[in-house]
């Protein structure tokens, strides 16, 4: 089954997004290498800056998906 994680950034947290990008990308690359990641990408605000994320994975159950998203 496919499961989607939708994350929205808090206002004014662009620097947090920038600072956490390397481990975020590493996490997604690991999911991709395992064949779990199906799609991922940012949401963009009207100003063109990222303000959230969508990550779609394949997992056997909602509980398994929650474990994966928990990292």
PDB file of N, CA and C in Angstrom:
ATOM      1  N   UNK A   1       0.839  -1.180   0.000  1.00  0.00           N
ATOM      2  CA  UNK A   1       0.000   0.000   0.000  1.00  0.00           C
ATOM      3  C   UNK A   1       0.885   1.245   0.000  1.00  0.00           C
ATOM      4  N   UNK A   2       0.343   2.296  -0.554  1.00  0.00           N
ATOM      5  CA  UNK A   2       1.060   3.568  -0.555  1.00  0.00           C
ATOM      6  C   UNK A   2       0.535   4.458   0.563  1.00  0.00           C
ATOM      7  N   UNK A   3       1.458   5.170   1.204  1.00  0.00           N
ATOM      8  CA  UNK A   3       1.117   6.090   2.286  1.00  0.00           C
ATOM      9  C   UNK A   3       1.821   7.410   2.031  1.00  0.00           C
ATOM     10  N   UNK A   4       1.122   8.499   2.330  1.00  0.00           N
ATOM     11  CA  UNK A   4       1.670   9.835   2.100  1.00  0.00           C
ATOM     12  C   UNK A   4       1.872  10.558   3.420  1.00  0.00           C
ATOM     13  N   UNK A   5       2.999  11.218   3.525  1.00  0.00           N
ATOM     14  CA  UNK A   5       3.289  12.120   4.638  1.00  0.00           C
ATOM     15  C   UNK A   5       3.256  13.530   4.066  1.00  0.00           C
ATOM     16  N   UNK A   6       2.448  14.371   4.664  1.00  0.00           N
ATOM     17  CA  UNK A   6       2.366  15.770   4.263  1.00  0.00           C
ATOM     18  C   UNK A   6       2.859  16.602   5.437  1.00  0.00           C
ATOM     19  N   UNK A   7       3.952  17.308   5.229  1.00  0.00           N
ATOM     20  CA  UNK A   7       4.508  18.155   6.277  1.00  0.00           C
ATOM     21  C   UNK A   7       4.452  19.609   5.852  1.00  0.00           C
ATOM     22  N   UNK A   8       4.025  20.452   6.763  1.00  0.00           N
ATOM     23  CA  UNK A   8       3.987  21.893   6.481  1.00  0.00           C
ATOM     24  C   UNK A   8       4.965  22.593   7.417  1.00  0.00           C
ATOM     25  N   UNK A   9       5.780  23.461   6.852  1.00  0.00           N
ATOM     26  CA  UNK A   9       6.737  24.215   7.655  1.00  0.00           C
ATOM     27  C   UNK A   9       6.012  25.256   8.499  1.00  0.00           C
ATOM     28  N   UNK A  10       6.565  25.503   9.679  1.00  0.00           N
ATOM     29  CA  UNK A  10       6.060  26.597  10.505  1.00  0.00           C
ATOM     30  C   UNK A  10       6.516  27.911   9.877  1.00  0.00           C
ATOM     31  N   UNK A  11       5.735  28.960  10.008  1.00  0.00           N
ATOM     32  CA  UNK A  11       6.153  30.261   9.469  1.00  0.00           C
ATOM     33  C   UNK A  11       7.517  30.678  10.029  1.00  0.00           C
ATOM     34  N   UNK A  12       8.365  31.190   9.165  1.00  0.00           N
ATOM     35  CA  UNK A  12       9.666  31.679   9.597  1.00  0.00           C
ATOM     36  C   UNK A  12      10.698  30.594   9.865  1.00  0.00           C
ATOM     37  N   UNK A  13      10.449  29.373   9.420  1.00  0.00           N
ATOM     38  CA  UNK A  13      11.365  28.270   9.702  1.00  0.00           C
ATOM     39  C   UNK A  13      12.190  27.834   8.491  1.00  0.00           C
ATOM     40  N   UNK A  14      12.391  28.716   7.533  1.00  0.00           N
ATOM     41  CA  UNK A  14      13.182  28.363   6.363  1.00  0.00           C
ATOM     42  C   UNK A  14      14.597  27.949   6.766  1.00  0.00           C
ATOM     43  N   UNK A  15      15.186  28.618   7.748  1.00  0.00           N
ATOM     44  CA  UNK A  15      16.548  28.267   8.162  1.00  0.00           C
ATOM     45  C   UNK A  15      16.598  26.864   8.753  1.00  0.00           C
ATOM     46  N   UNK A  16      15.563  26.475   9.488  1.00  0.00           N
ATOM     47  CA  UNK A  16      15.497  25.107  10.028  1.00  0.00           C
ATOM     48  C   UNK A  16      15.482  24.115   8.868  1.00  0.00           C
ATOM     49  N   UNK A  17      14.697  24.412   7.843  1.00  0.00           N
ATOM     50  CA  UNK A  17      14.638  23.542   6.655  1.00  0.00           C
ATOM     51  C   UNK A  17      16.022  23.432   6.021  1.00  0.00           C
ATOM     52  N   UNK A  18      16.708  24.544   5.885  1.00  0.00           N
ATOM     53  CA  UNK A  18      18.042  24.550   5.282  1.00  0.00           C
ATOM     54  C   UNK A  18      19.014  23.742   6.134  1.00  0.00           C
ATOM     55  N   UNK A  19      18.971  23.942   7.452  1.00  0.00           N
ATOM     56  CA  UNK A  19      19.893  23.257   8.360  1.00  0.00           C
ATOM     57  C   UNK A  19      19.664  21.751   8.413  1.00  0.00           C
ATOM     58  N   UNK A  20      18.417  21.313   8.251  1.00  0.00           N
ATOM     59  CA  UNK A  20      18.109  19.884   8.360  1.00  0.00           C
ATOM     60  C   UNK A  20      18.068  19.181   7.003  1.00  0.00           C
ATOM     61  N   UNK A  21      18.351  19.893   5.942  1.00  0.00           N
ATOM     62  CA  UNK A  21      18.294  19.293   4.602  1.00  0.00           C
ATOM     63  C   UNK A  21      19.241  18.112   4.425  1.00  0.00           C
ATOM     64  N   UNK A  22      20.515  18.186   4.822  1.00  0.00           N
ATOM     65  CA  UNK A  22      21.409  17.039   4.588  1.00  0.00           C
ATOM     66  C   UNK A  22      20.899  15.722   5.205  1.00  0.00           C
ATOM     67  N   UNK A  23      20.495  15.688   6.486  1.00  0.00           N
ATOM     68  CA  UNK A  23      19.982  14.409   7.001  1.00  0.00           C
ATOM     69  C   UNK A  23      18.645  14.011   6.365  1.00  0.00           C
ATOM     70  N   UNK A  24      17.842  14.994   5.978  1.00  0.00           N
ATOM     71  CA  UNK A  24      16.571  14.721   5.301  1.00  0.00           C
ATOM     72  C   UNK A  24      16.827  14.015   3.965  1.00  0.00           C
ATOM     73  N   UNK A  25      17.752  14.538   3.184  1.00  0.00           N
ATOM     74  CA  UNK A  25      18.080  13.940   1.891  1.00  0.00           C
ATOM     75  C   UNK A  25      18.687  12.553   2.091  1.00  0.00           C
ATOM     76  N   UNK A  26      19.527  12.393   3.096  1.00  0.00           N
ATOM     77  CA  UNK A  26      20.117  11.084   3.395  1.00  0.00           C
ATOM     78  C   UNK A  26      19.026  10.064   3.733  1.00  0.00           C
ATOM     79  N   UNK A  27      18.045  10.474   4.537  1.00  0.00           N
ATOM     80  CA  UNK A  27      16.915   9.611   4.892  1.00  0.00           C
ATOM     81  C   UNK A  27      16.147   9.197   3.637  1.00  0.00           C
ATOM     82  N   UNK A  28      15.857  10.162   2.759  1.00  0.00           N
ATOM     83  CA  UNK A  28      15.129   9.857   1.526  1.00  0.00           C
ATOM     84  C   UNK A  28      15.946   8.964   0.595  1.00  0.00           C
ATOM     85  N   UNK A  29      17.238   9.204   0.502  1.00  0.00           N
ATOM     86  CA  UNK A  29      18.097   8.359  -0.330  1.00  0.00           C
ATOM     87  C   UNK A  29      18.107   6.923   0.174  1.00  0.00           C
ATOM     88  N   UNK A  30      18.114   6.750   1.497  1.00  0.00           N
ATOM     89  CA  UNK A  30      18.069   5.411   2.092  1.00  0.00           C
ATOM     90  C   UNK A  30      16.751   4.718   1.743  1.00  0.00           C
ATOM     91  N   UNK A  31      15.634   5.444   1.879  1.00  0.00           N
ATOM     92  CA  UNK A  31      14.333   4.872   1.519  1.00  0.00           C
ATOM     93  C   UNK A  31      14.298   4.500   0.037  1.00  0.00           C
ATOM     94  N   UNK A  32      14.887   5.338  -0.799  1.00  0.00           N
ATOM     95  CA  UNK A  32      14.921   5.066  -2.231  1.00  0.00           C
ATOM     96  C   UNK A  32      15.743   3.816  -2.532  1.00  0.00           C
ATOM     97  N   UNK A  33      16.894   3.672  -1.881  1.00  0.00           N
ATOM     98  CA  UNK A  33      17.753   2.505  -2.090  1.00  0.00           C
ATOM     99  C   UNK A  33      17.042   1.210  -1.691  1.00  0.00           C
ATOM    100  N   UNK A  34      16.171   1.291  -0.697  1.00  0.00           N
ATOM    101  CA  UNK A  34      15.413   0.117  -0.244  1.00  0.00           C
ATOM    102  C   UNK A  34      14.191  -0.154  -1.116  1.00  0.00           C
ATOM    103  N   UNK A  35      13.870   0.769  -2.021  1.00  0.00           N
ATOM    104  CA  UNK A  35      12.691   0.623  -2.860  1.00  0.00           C
ATOM    105  C   UNK A  35      11.405   1.047  -2.182  1.00  0.00           C
ATOM    106  N   UNK A  36      11.524   1.681  -1.022  1.00  0.00           N
ATOM    107  CA  UNK A  36      10.362   2.099  -0.239  1.00  0.00           C
ATOM    108  C   UNK A  36       9.808   3.434  -0.718  1.00  0.00           C
ATOM    109  N   UNK A  37      10.692   4.343  -1.092  1.00  0.00           N
ATOM    110  CA  UNK A  37      10.279   5.683  -1.522  1.00  0.00           C
ATOM    111  C   UNK A  37       9.679   5.623  -2.919  1.00  0.00           C
ATOM    112  N   UNK A  38       8.502   6.192  -3.066  1.00  0.00           N
ATOM    113  CA  UNK A  38       7.846   6.238  -4.371  1.00  0.00           C
ATOM    114  C   UNK A  38       7.866   7.635  -4.967  1.00  0.00           C
ATOM    115  N   UNK A  39       7.804   8.657  -4.123  1.00  0.00           N
ATOM    116  CA  UNK A  39       7.798  10.039  -4.598  1.00  0.00           C
ATOM    117  C   UNK A  39       8.071  10.949  -3.417  1.00  0.00           C
ATOM    118  N   UNK A  40       8.789  12.032  -3.663  1.00  0.00           N
ATOM    119  CA  UNK A  40       9.002  13.050  -2.629  1.00  0.00           C
ATOM    120  C   UNK A  40       9.268  14.384  -3.301  1.00  0.00           C
ATOM    121  N   UNK A  41       8.812  15.443  -2.662  1.00  0.00           N
ATOM    122  CA  UNK A  41       9.069  16.764  -3.200  1.00  0.00           C
ATOM    123  C   UNK A  41       8.536  17.845  -2.289  1.00  0.00           C
ATOM    124  N   UNK A  42       8.953  19.076  -2.550  1.00  0.00           N
ATOM    125  CA  UNK A  42       8.536  20.192  -1.707  1.00  0.00           C
ATOM    126  C   UNK A  42       7.212  20.802  -2.158  1.00  0.00           C
ATOM    127  N   UNK A  43       6.542  21.438  -1.220  1.00  0.00           N
ATOM    128  CA  UNK A  43       5.464  22.369  -1.541  1.00  0.00           C
ATOM    129  C   UNK A  43       6.115  23.743  -1.603  1.00  0.00           C
ATOM    130  N   UNK A  44       5.680  24.570  -2.525  1.00  0.00           N
ATOM    131  CA  UNK A  44       6.241  25.910  -2.656  1.00  0.00           C
ATOM    132  C   UNK A  44       5.171  26.950  -2.376  1.00  0.00           C
ATOM    133  N   UNK A  45       5.582  28.003  -1.680  1.00  0.00           N
ATOM    134  CA  UNK A  45       4.681  29.116  -1.419  1.00  0.00           C
ATOM    135  C   UNK A  45       4.565  30.006  -2.644  1.00  0.00           C
ATOM    136  N   UNK A  46       3.719  31.005  -2.538  1.00  0.00           N
ATOM    137  CA  UNK A  46       3.546  31.946  -3.648  1.00  0.00           C
ATOM    138  C   UNK A  46       4.838  32.670  -3.989  1.00  0.00           C
ATOM    139  N   UNK A  47       5.745  32.753  -3.007  1.00  0.00           N
ATOM    140  CA  UNK A  47       7.036  33.401  -3.229  1.00  0.00           C
ATOM    141  C   UNK A  47       8.062  32.459  -3.860  1.00  0.00           C
ATOM    142  N   UNK A  48       7.656  31.203  -4.104  1.00  0.00           N
ATOM    143  CA  UNK A  48       8.553  30.229  -4.711  1.00  0.00           C
ATOM    144  C   UNK A  48       9.459  29.515  -3.733  1.00  0.00           C
ATOM    145  N   UNK A  49       9.373  29.854  -2.453  1.00  0.00           N
ATOM    146  CA  UNK A  49      10.209  29.219  -1.434  1.00  0.00           C
ATOM    147  C   UNK A  49       9.494  27.988  -0.879  1.00  0.00           C
ATOM    148  N   UNK A  50      10.269  26.947  -0.516  1.00  0.00           N
ATOM    149  CA  UNK A  50       9.645  25.745   0.032  1.00  0.00           C
ATOM    150  C   UNK A  50       8.959  26.036   1.359  1.00  0.00           C
ATOM    151  N   UNK A  51       7.779  25.427   1.531  1.00  0.00           N
ATOM    152  CA  UNK A  51       7.051  25.622   2.790  1.00  0.00           C
ATOM    153  C   UNK A  51       6.409  24.333   3.294  1.00  0.00           C
ATOM    154  N   UNK A  52       6.864  23.212   2.777  1.00  0.00           N
ATOM    155  CA  UNK A  52       6.346  21.921   3.213  1.00  0.00           C
ATOM    156  C   UNK A  52       6.871  20.820   2.311  1.00  0.00           C
ATOM    157  N   UNK A  53       6.461  19.586   2.625  1.00  0.00           N
ATOM    158  CA  UNK A  53       6.937  18.434   1.867  1.00  0.00           C
ATOM    159  C   UNK A  53       5.842  17.397   1.702  1.00  0.00           C
ATOM    160  N   UNK A  54       5.956  16.639   0.625  1.00  0.00           N
ATOM    161  CA  UNK A  54       5.130  15.464   0.397  1.00  0.00           C
ATOM    162  C   UNK A  54       6.075  14.296   0.180  1.00  0.00           C
ATOM    163  N   UNK A  55       5.881  13.223   0.950  1.00  0.00           N
ATOM    164  CA  UNK A  55       6.679  12.009   0.806  1.00  0.00           C
ATOM    165  C   UNK A  55       5.708  10.840   0.703  1.00  0.00           C
ATOM    166  N   UNK A  56       5.828  10.054  -0.360  1.00  0.00           N
ATOM    167  CA  UNK A  56       4.976   8.880  -0.559  1.00  0.00           C
ATOM    168  C   UNK A  56       5.857   7.641  -0.504  1.00  0.00           C
ATOM    169  N   UNK A  57       5.455   6.698   0.355  1.00  0.00           N
ATOM    170  CA  UNK A  57       6.208   5.458   0.514  1.00  0.00           C
ATOM    171  C   UNK A  57       5.290   4.259   0.324  1.00  0.00           C
ATOM    172  N   UNK A  58       5.906   3.103   0.141  1.00  0.00           N
ATOM    173  CA  UNK A  58       5.171   1.844   0.115  1.00  0.00           C
ATOM    174  C   UNK A  58       5.483   1.104   1.406  1.00  0.00           C
ATOM    175  N   UNK A  59       4.436   0.627   2.067  1.00  0.00           N
ATOM    176  CA  UNK A  59       4.586  -0.130   3.310  1.00  0.00           C
ATOM    177  C   UNK A  59       3.449  -1.142   3.405  1.00  0.00           C
ATOM    178  N   UNK A  60       3.645  -2.144   4.252  1.00  0.00           N
ATOM    179  CA  UNK A  60       2.648  -3.208   4.403  1.00  0.00           C
ATOM    180  C   UNK A  60       1.416  -2.777   5.180  1.00  0.00           C
ATOM    181  N   UNK A  61       1.577  -1.784   6.056  1.00  0.00           N
ATOM    182  CA  UNK A  61       0.457  -1.355   6.905  1.00  0.00           C
ATOM    183  C   UNK A  61       0.679   0.084   7.348  1.00  0.00           C
ATOM    184  N   UNK A  62      -0.360   0.681   7.915  1.00  0.00           N
ATOM    185  CA  UNK A  62      -0.234   2.043   8.437  1.00  0.00           C
ATOM    186  C   UNK A  62       0.778   2.087   9.577  1.00  0.00           C
ATOM    187  N   UNK A  63       0.809   1.040  10.394  1.00  0.00           N
ATOM    188  CA  UNK A  63       1.779   1.008  11.495  1.00  0.00           C
ATOM    189  C   UNK A  63       3.208   0.946  10.957  1.00  0.00           C
ATOM    190  N   UNK A  64       3.427   0.154   9.916  1.00  0.00           N
ATOM    191  CA  UNK A  64       4.756   0.081   9.307  1.00  0.00           C
ATOM    192  C   UNK A  64       5.142   1.428   8.699  1.00  0.00           C
ATOM    193  N   UNK A  65       4.183   2.099   8.074  1.00  0.00           N
ATOM    194  CA  UNK A  65       4.450   3.420   7.494  1.00  0.00           C
ATOM    195  C   UNK A  65       4.815   4.419   8.584  1.00  0.00           C
ATOM    196  N   UNK A  66       4.101   4.374   9.689  1.00  0.00           N
ATOM    197  CA  UNK A  66       4.411   5.288  10.804  1.00  0.00           C
ATOM    198  C   UNK A  66       5.816   5.051  11.330  1.00  0.00           C
ATOM    199  N   UNK A  67       6.225   3.795  11.422  1.00  0.00           N
ATOM    200  CA  UNK A  67       7.586   3.478  11.878  1.00  0.00           C
ATOM    201  C   UNK A  67       8.622   4.042  10.910  1.00  0.00           C
ATOM    202  N   UNK A  68       8.355   3.894   9.625  1.00  0.00           N
ATOM    203  CA  UNK A  68       9.286   4.415   8.619  1.00  0.00           C
ATOM    204  C   UNK A  68       9.378   5.933   8.715  1.00  0.00           C
ATOM    205  N   UNK A  69       8.234   6.602   8.799  1.00  0.00           N
ATOM    206  CA  UNK A  69       8.237   8.063   8.862  1.00  0.00           C
ATOM    207  C   UNK A  69       8.840   8.580  10.163  1.00  0.00           C
ATOM    208  N   UNK A  70       8.774   7.783  11.223  1.00  0.00           N
ATOM    209  CA  UNK A  70       9.377   8.188  12.499  1.00  0.00           C
ATOM    210  C   UNK A  70      10.900   8.177  12.410  1.00  0.00           C
ATOM    211  N   UNK A  71      11.424   7.505  11.390  1.00  0.00           N
ATOM    212  CA  UNK A  71      12.865   7.485  11.171  1.00  0.00           C
ATOM    213  C   UNK A  71      13.517   6.447  11.999  1.00  0.00           C
TER     214      UNK A  71
END
